[in-house]
Structures are given as C-alpha cells and as structure tokens.
Amino acid sequence: MKYPQAIWPYSPYQTVWETIYFSGQIWLNPDTMELIEWLEGQTKQVCENISWICYELGISLTNICKTTIYLANIEDFITVNEIYGTYFSHKPARSTIAVKALPKWALVEIECIAYK
C-alpha cells in the first residue's frame, strides 16, 4: 500500500455500489511521514496518494468525476490548480474552498468521488 492510512477513525475511501468516496487526502507521505513544508510538494503528494488509492481499486484518475479542494490560503489557488491540472487533465467537476486551517499543518486537501 503506497498511500497513508487514516490517522483518525475514518477510512481512506468507501465504496457504495459502483461509487467510491475518497476521504480528504493531505500531504502525508506513506514512506517517510515527514512534513512537506512547501505547497508544491504537498499538492503533488496529495495527488500521488489519490493515484495510489485508484491503483489499489483497479481504476485510474479518469474515473474520478468530482473533486473538492480545500486550501488553507485561497491565494494558493493558481499554484495548486496548475499542479492539479497535470493529474486531472480530464477535468472532473470541482469545488475549491478556502478554510481557516487543515489537519497536520496541511496547506491543501483534496477529496474525490469516483465510479467503477
């Protein structure tokens, strides 16, 4: 397994019929668990974690039909959007929300809905 396990009482994803609900993914790297302090690195790690969950489920990123991005600073939107676009070129529906804070000093968190 190449994505981090949940650190609190929840699952990284749940499948209901043919729909997969991903919990929000943050910067946690399953190999090192060391804090990634810069926005670009956190965003790439989040997308890699989502990719690994897809791999485990036997689907690809193109099966993701909806994402929600949470940002600790809305001014990071352009940077996150550029990196996000390299992973999600199929352009799923998306919401982006600025929040006061995210767990574990995260700067970005992404949750997804996919289909099998």
N, C-alpha and C. Protein backbone atom coordinates (compact mmCIF):
# COMPACT_ATOMS: atom_id res chain seq x y z
N MET A 1 0.85 -1.18 0.00
CA MET A 1 0.00 0.00 0.00
C MET A 1 0.89 1.24 0.00
N LYS A 2 0.71 2.12 -0.97
CA LYS A 2 1.56 3.29 -1.13
C LYS A 2 0.88 4.60 -0.75
N TYR A 3 -0.26 4.54 -0.09
CA TYR A 3 -0.89 5.76 0.38
C TYR A 3 -1.00 5.66 1.90
N PRO A 4 -1.04 6.80 2.58
CA PRO A 4 -1.07 6.75 4.04
C PRO A 4 -2.39 6.23 4.58
N GLN A 5 -2.30 5.49 5.65
CA GLN A 5 -3.51 5.03 6.33
C GLN A 5 -4.10 6.18 7.12
N ALA A 6 -5.37 6.11 7.35
CA ALA A 6 -6.05 7.15 8.12
C ALA A 6 -5.42 7.25 9.52
N ILE A 7 -5.24 8.48 9.97
CA ILE A 7 -4.63 8.67 11.29
C ILE A 7 -5.68 8.89 12.37
N TRP A 8 -6.93 8.98 11.99
CA TRP A 8 -8.04 9.12 12.93
C TRP A 8 -9.10 8.09 12.55
N PRO A 9 -10.23 8.04 13.23
CA PRO A 9 -11.21 6.98 12.97
C PRO A 9 -12.05 7.21 11.70
N TYR A 10 -11.43 6.98 10.56
CA TYR A 10 -12.12 7.03 9.27
C TYR A 10 -11.34 6.17 8.28
N SER A 11 -11.92 5.90 7.14
CA SER A 11 -11.28 5.10 6.09
C SER A 11 -10.77 6.01 4.98
N PRO A 12 -9.70 5.62 4.29
CA PRO A 12 -9.22 6.42 3.16
C PRO A 12 -10.25 6.52 2.04
N TYR A 13 -11.11 5.49 1.95
CA TYR A 13 -12.18 5.52 0.94
C TYR A 13 -13.26 4.53 1.36
N GLN A 14 -14.43 4.70 0.78
CA GLN A 14 -15.54 3.76 0.96
C GLN A 14 -16.20 3.56 -0.40
N THR A 15 -16.58 2.33 -0.67
CA THR A 15 -17.27 2.01 -1.92
C THR A 15 -18.73 1.70 -1.60
N VAL A 16 -19.62 2.35 -2.32
CA VAL A 16 -21.06 2.10 -2.20
C VAL A 16 -21.55 1.84 -3.62
N TRP A 17 -21.96 0.62 -3.87
CA TRP A 17 -22.34 0.19 -5.21
C TRP A 17 -21.17 0.41 -6.14
N GLU A 18 -21.33 1.23 -7.12
CA GLU A 18 -20.26 1.49 -8.09
C GLU A 18 -19.61 2.85 -7.87
N THR A 19 -19.90 3.48 -6.74
CA THR A 19 -19.35 4.80 -6.43
C THR A 19 -18.32 4.68 -5.31
N ILE A 20 -17.22 5.40 -5.48
CA ILE A 20 -16.14 5.39 -4.49
C ILE A 20 -15.99 6.80 -3.94
N TYR A 21 -16.05 6.91 -2.62
CA TYR A 21 -15.91 8.18 -1.94
C TYR A 21 -14.54 8.21 -1.26
N PHE A 22 -13.69 9.13 -1.67
CA PHE A 22 -12.35 9.26 -1.09
C PHE A 22 -12.42 10.25 0.06
N SER A 23 -11.83 9.90 1.18
CA SER A 23 -11.64 10.88 2.25
C SER A 23 -10.63 11.91 1.76
N GLY A 24 -10.65 13.07 2.38
CA GLY A 24 -9.68 14.09 2.01
C GLY A 24 -8.26 13.60 2.21
N GLN A 25 -7.44 13.80 1.21
CA GLN A 25 -6.03 13.41 1.27
C GLN A 25 -5.18 14.64 1.52
N ILE A 26 -4.21 14.50 2.43
CA ILE A 26 -3.29 15.59 2.71
C ILE A 26 -1.87 15.13 2.38
N TRP A 27 -0.89 15.90 2.74
CA TRP A 27 0.50 15.72 2.34
C TRP A 27 1.17 14.45 2.84
N LEU A 28 0.57 13.68 3.72
CA LEU A 28 1.27 12.56 4.34
C LEU A 28 1.88 11.63 3.31
N ASN A 29 3.18 11.43 3.42
CA ASN A 29 3.91 10.50 2.56
C ASN A 29 4.02 9.18 3.30
N PRO A 30 3.48 8.08 2.76
CA PRO A 30 3.48 6.81 3.50
C PRO A 30 4.87 6.25 3.76
N ASP A 31 5.87 6.67 2.98
CA ASP A 31 7.22 6.15 3.17
C ASP A 31 7.98 6.85 4.29
N THR A 32 7.79 8.16 4.42
CA THR A 32 8.60 8.92 5.37
C THR A 32 7.80 9.53 6.51
N MET A 33 6.53 9.88 6.25
CA MET A 33 5.67 10.56 7.23
C MET A 33 6.32 11.85 7.73
N GLU A 34 7.27 12.40 6.96
CA GLU A 34 7.89 13.67 7.32
C GLU A 34 7.07 14.81 6.72
N LEU A 35 6.99 15.90 7.43
CA LEU A 35 6.23 17.06 6.98
C LEU A 35 6.83 17.64 5.71
N ILE A 36 5.99 17.82 4.70
CA ILE A 36 6.37 18.54 3.48
C ILE A 36 5.92 19.98 3.71
N GLU A 37 6.86 20.90 3.75
CA GLU A 37 6.54 22.25 4.16
C GLU A 37 6.13 23.17 3.02
N TRP A 38 6.37 22.81 1.78
CA TRP A 38 6.08 23.73 0.69
C TRP A 38 4.86 23.27 -0.09
N LEU A 39 4.13 24.23 -0.60
CA LEU A 39 2.83 24.00 -1.24
C LEU A 39 2.92 23.04 -2.43
N GLU A 40 3.89 23.24 -3.30
CA GLU A 40 4.00 22.40 -4.49
C GLU A 40 4.20 20.93 -4.10
N GLY A 41 5.07 20.69 -3.13
CA GLY A 41 5.33 19.32 -2.68
C GLY A 41 4.10 18.68 -2.05
N GLN A 42 3.39 19.46 -1.23
CA GLN A 42 2.16 18.93 -0.62
C GLN A 42 1.13 18.59 -1.68
N THR A 43 0.97 19.47 -2.66
CA THR A 43 -0.04 19.23 -3.71
C THR A 43 0.30 17.98 -4.51
N LYS A 44 1.56 17.83 -4.89
CA LYS A 44 1.98 16.64 -5.63
C LYS A 44 1.76 15.37 -4.80
N GLN A 45 2.09 15.42 -3.50
CA GLN A 45 1.92 14.25 -2.66
C GLN A 45 0.45 13.88 -2.51
N VAL A 46 -0.41 14.88 -2.37
CA VAL A 46 -1.86 14.62 -2.30
C VAL A 46 -2.31 13.90 -3.56
N CYS A 47 -1.91 14.40 -4.72
CA CYS A 47 -2.31 13.78 -5.98
C CYS A 47 -1.72 12.38 -6.13
N GLU A 48 -0.51 12.17 -5.66
CA GLU A 48 0.09 10.83 -5.68
C GLU A 48 -0.68 9.87 -4.77
N ASN A 49 -1.08 10.34 -3.60
CA ASN A 49 -1.87 9.50 -2.69
C ASN A 49 -3.18 9.09 -3.34
N ILE A 50 -3.84 10.03 -4.01
CA ILE A 50 -5.08 9.72 -4.71
C ILE A 50 -4.81 8.72 -5.83
N SER A 51 -3.72 8.89 -6.56
CA SER A 51 -3.35 7.96 -7.63
C SER A 51 -3.15 6.54 -7.10
N TRP A 52 -2.51 6.41 -5.94
CA TRP A 52 -2.26 5.09 -5.36
C TRP A 52 -3.56 4.43 -4.89
N ILE A 53 -4.47 5.20 -4.37
CA ILE A 53 -5.77 4.63 -3.99
C ILE A 53 -6.47 4.12 -5.24
N CYS A 54 -6.45 4.91 -6.30
CA CYS A 54 -7.05 4.46 -7.58
C CYS A 54 -6.41 3.16 -8.04
N TYR A 55 -5.09 3.10 -7.98
CA TYR A 55 -4.36 1.89 -8.40
C TYR A 55 -4.82 0.68 -7.60
N GLU A 56 -4.93 0.84 -6.28
CA GLU A 56 -5.38 -0.27 -5.43
C GLU A 56 -6.79 -0.72 -5.80
N LEU A 57 -7.62 0.21 -6.19
CA LEU A 57 -9.01 -0.10 -6.53
C LEU A 57 -9.17 -0.60 -7.97
N GLY A 58 -8.10 -0.57 -8.74
CA GLY A 58 -8.17 -1.03 -10.13
C GLY A 58 -8.82 -0.02 -11.06
N ILE A 59 -8.75 1.25 -10.70
CA ILE A 59 -9.29 2.31 -11.56
C ILE A 59 -8.18 3.31 -11.84
N SER A 60 -8.47 4.31 -12.66
CA SER A 60 -7.49 5.36 -12.92
C SER A 60 -8.05 6.71 -12.47
N LEU A 61 -7.21 7.70 -12.54
CA LEU A 61 -7.66 9.04 -12.17
C LEU A 61 -8.83 9.50 -13.03
N THR A 62 -8.93 8.98 -14.26
CA THR A 62 -10.03 9.39 -15.14
C THR A 62 -11.38 8.88 -14.66
N ASN A 63 -11.40 7.96 -13.69
CA ASN A 63 -12.65 7.51 -13.09
C ASN A 63 -13.17 8.51 -12.06
N ILE A 64 -12.35 9.45 -11.68
CA ILE A 64 -12.77 10.46 -10.71
C ILE A 64 -13.64 11.48 -11.44
N CYS A 65 -14.85 11.67 -10.92
CA CYS A 65 -15.80 12.57 -11.59
C CYS A 65 -16.05 13.85 -10.80
N LYS A 66 -15.62 13.92 -9.53
CA LYS A 66 -15.84 15.12 -8.71
C LYS A 66 -14.72 15.22 -7.69
N THR A 67 -14.19 16.42 -7.54
CA THR A 67 -13.20 16.67 -6.51
C THR A 67 -13.61 17.91 -5.71
N THR A 68 -13.13 17.96 -4.49
CA THR A 68 -13.25 19.16 -3.68
C THR A 68 -11.86 19.46 -3.15
N ILE A 69 -11.41 20.68 -3.39
CA ILE A 69 -10.09 21.12 -2.92
C ILE A 69 -10.31 22.08 -1.76
N TYR A 70 -9.62 21.83 -0.67
CA TYR A 70 -9.63 22.72 0.49
C TYR A 70 -8.26 23.38 0.58
N LEU A 71 -8.24 24.70 0.67
CA LEU A 71 -7.00 25.45 0.74
C LEU A 71 -6.93 26.23 2.05
N ALA A 72 -5.77 26.17 2.70
CA ALA A 72 -5.56 26.97 3.90
C ALA A 72 -5.39 28.44 3.54
N ASN A 73 -5.05 28.72 2.28
CA ASN A 73 -4.88 30.09 1.81
C ASN A 73 -5.39 30.17 0.37
N ILE A 74 -6.44 30.90 0.12
CA ILE A 74 -7.03 30.97 -1.21
C ILE A 74 -6.04 31.54 -2.23
N GLU A 75 -5.04 32.28 -1.77
CA GLU A 75 -4.03 32.82 -2.68
C GLU A 75 -3.17 31.71 -3.30
N ASP A 76 -3.25 30.50 -2.77
CA ASP A 76 -2.52 29.36 -3.33
C ASP A 76 -3.26 28.71 -4.49
N PHE A 77 -4.43 29.23 -4.84
CA PHE A 77 -5.29 28.61 -5.86
C PHE A 77 -4.56 28.37 -7.18
N ILE A 78 -3.87 29.37 -7.69
CA ILE A 78 -3.23 29.24 -9.01
C ILE A 78 -2.17 28.16 -9.00
N THR A 79 -1.33 28.14 -7.98
CA THR A 79 -0.27 27.13 -7.89
C THR A 79 -0.85 25.72 -7.80
N VAL A 80 -1.83 25.54 -6.91
CA VAL A 80 -2.47 24.23 -6.76
C VAL A 80 -3.16 23.83 -8.06
N ASN A 81 -3.84 24.76 -8.68
CA ASN A 81 -4.57 24.49 -9.92
C ASN A 81 -3.63 24.00 -11.03
N GLU A 82 -2.46 24.59 -11.14
CA GLU A 82 -1.50 24.17 -12.17
C GLU A 82 -1.05 22.73 -11.95
N ILE A 83 -0.72 22.38 -10.72
CA ILE A 83 -0.28 21.01 -10.43
C ILE A 83 -1.45 20.05 -10.57
N TYR A 84 -2.60 20.40 -10.03
CA TYR A 84 -3.82 19.60 -10.14
C TYR A 84 -4.11 19.27 -11.60
N GLY A 85 -3.96 20.24 -12.49
CA GLY A 85 -4.24 20.05 -13.91
C GLY A 85 -3.37 19.01 -14.57
N THR A 86 -2.16 18.79 -14.05
CA THR A 86 -1.29 17.77 -14.64
C THR A 86 -1.76 16.36 -14.27
N TYR A 87 -2.49 16.22 -13.19
CA TYR A 87 -3.03 14.93 -12.76
C TYR A 87 -4.46 14.71 -13.26
N PHE A 88 -5.24 15.77 -13.29
CA PHE A 88 -6.66 15.67 -13.63
C PHE A 88 -6.95 16.38 -14.95
N SER A 89 -6.26 15.98 -16.00
CA SER A 89 -6.45 16.61 -17.31
C SER A 89 -7.83 16.33 -17.90
N HIS A 90 -8.53 15.33 -17.38
CA HIS A 90 -9.89 15.02 -17.87
C HIS A 90 -10.94 15.97 -17.29
N LYS A 91 -10.54 16.86 -16.42
CA LYS A 91 -11.36 17.94 -15.87
C LYS A 91 -12.65 17.47 -15.19
N PRO A 92 -12.51 16.76 -14.06
CA PRO A 92 -13.72 16.40 -13.31
C PRO A 92 -14.40 17.65 -12.74
N ALA A 93 -15.66 17.54 -12.38
CA ALA A 93 -16.33 18.64 -11.69
C ALA A 93 -15.53 18.93 -10.41
N ARG A 94 -15.53 20.20 -9.99
CA ARG A 94 -14.68 20.55 -8.86
C ARG A 94 -15.23 21.74 -8.10
N SER A 95 -15.01 21.71 -6.80
CA SER A 95 -15.24 22.86 -5.93
C SER A 95 -13.93 23.17 -5.25
N THR A 96 -13.67 24.44 -4.99
CA THR A 96 -12.48 24.84 -4.23
C THR A 96 -12.95 25.75 -3.11
N ILE A 97 -12.50 25.42 -1.90
CA ILE A 97 -12.96 26.12 -0.72
C ILE A 97 -11.76 26.55 0.12
N ALA A 98 -11.76 27.80 0.55
CA ALA A 98 -10.74 28.27 1.49
C ALA A 98 -11.24 28.00 2.90
N VAL A 99 -10.37 27.46 3.72
CA VAL A 99 -10.73 27.12 5.10
C VAL A 99 -9.75 27.80 6.05
N LYS A 100 -10.14 27.86 7.30
CA LYS A 100 -9.28 28.51 8.30
C LYS A 100 -8.01 27.70 8.55
N ALA A 101 -8.14 26.37 8.62
CA ALA A 101 -6.98 25.51 8.87
C ALA A 101 -7.31 24.09 8.42
N LEU A 102 -6.27 23.32 8.18
CA LEU A 102 -6.39 21.91 7.80
C LEU A 102 -5.58 21.07 8.78
N PRO A 103 -5.90 19.79 8.92
CA PRO A 103 -5.16 18.95 9.86
C PRO A 103 -3.69 18.77 9.47
N LYS A 104 -2.88 18.55 10.49
CA LYS A 104 -1.45 18.23 10.29
C LYS A 104 -0.71 19.30 9.50
N TRP A 105 -1.06 20.55 9.68
CA TRP A 105 -0.38 21.67 9.03
C TRP A 105 -0.46 21.61 7.51
N ALA A 106 -1.48 20.94 7.01
CA ALA A 106 -1.65 20.84 5.55
C ALA A 106 -2.01 22.20 4.97
N LEU A 107 -1.51 22.44 3.77
CA LEU A 107 -1.85 23.64 3.03
C LEU A 107 -2.94 23.36 2.02
N VAL A 108 -3.09 22.09 1.64
CA VAL A 108 -4.09 21.67 0.65
C VAL A 108 -4.60 20.28 1.02
N GLU A 109 -5.88 20.07 0.80
CA GLU A 109 -6.51 18.76 0.99
C GLU A 109 -7.47 18.56 -0.19
N ILE A 110 -7.49 17.34 -0.73
CA ILE A 110 -8.40 17.05 -1.84
C ILE A 110 -9.18 15.78 -1.53
N GLU A 111 -10.50 15.86 -1.70
CA GLU A 111 -11.35 14.68 -1.60
C GLU A 111 -11.98 14.44 -2.97
N CYS A 112 -12.38 13.20 -3.22
CA CYS A 112 -12.86 12.83 -4.55
C CYS A 112 -14.06 11.91 -4.49
N ILE A 113 -14.77 11.87 -5.61
CA ILE A 113 -15.80 10.86 -5.85
C ILE A 113 -15.46 10.24 -7.20
N ALA A 114 -15.46 8.91 -7.25
CA ALA A 114 -15.14 8.20 -8.48
C ALA A 114 -16.17 7.12 -8.74
N TYR A 115 -16.11 6.53 -9.91
CA TYR A 115 -17.00 5.42 -10.26
C TYR A 115 -16.14 4.26 -10.75
N LYS A 116 -16.71 3.07 -10.64
CA LYS A 116 -16.02 1.87 -11.13
C LYS A 116 -16.39 1.61 -12.57
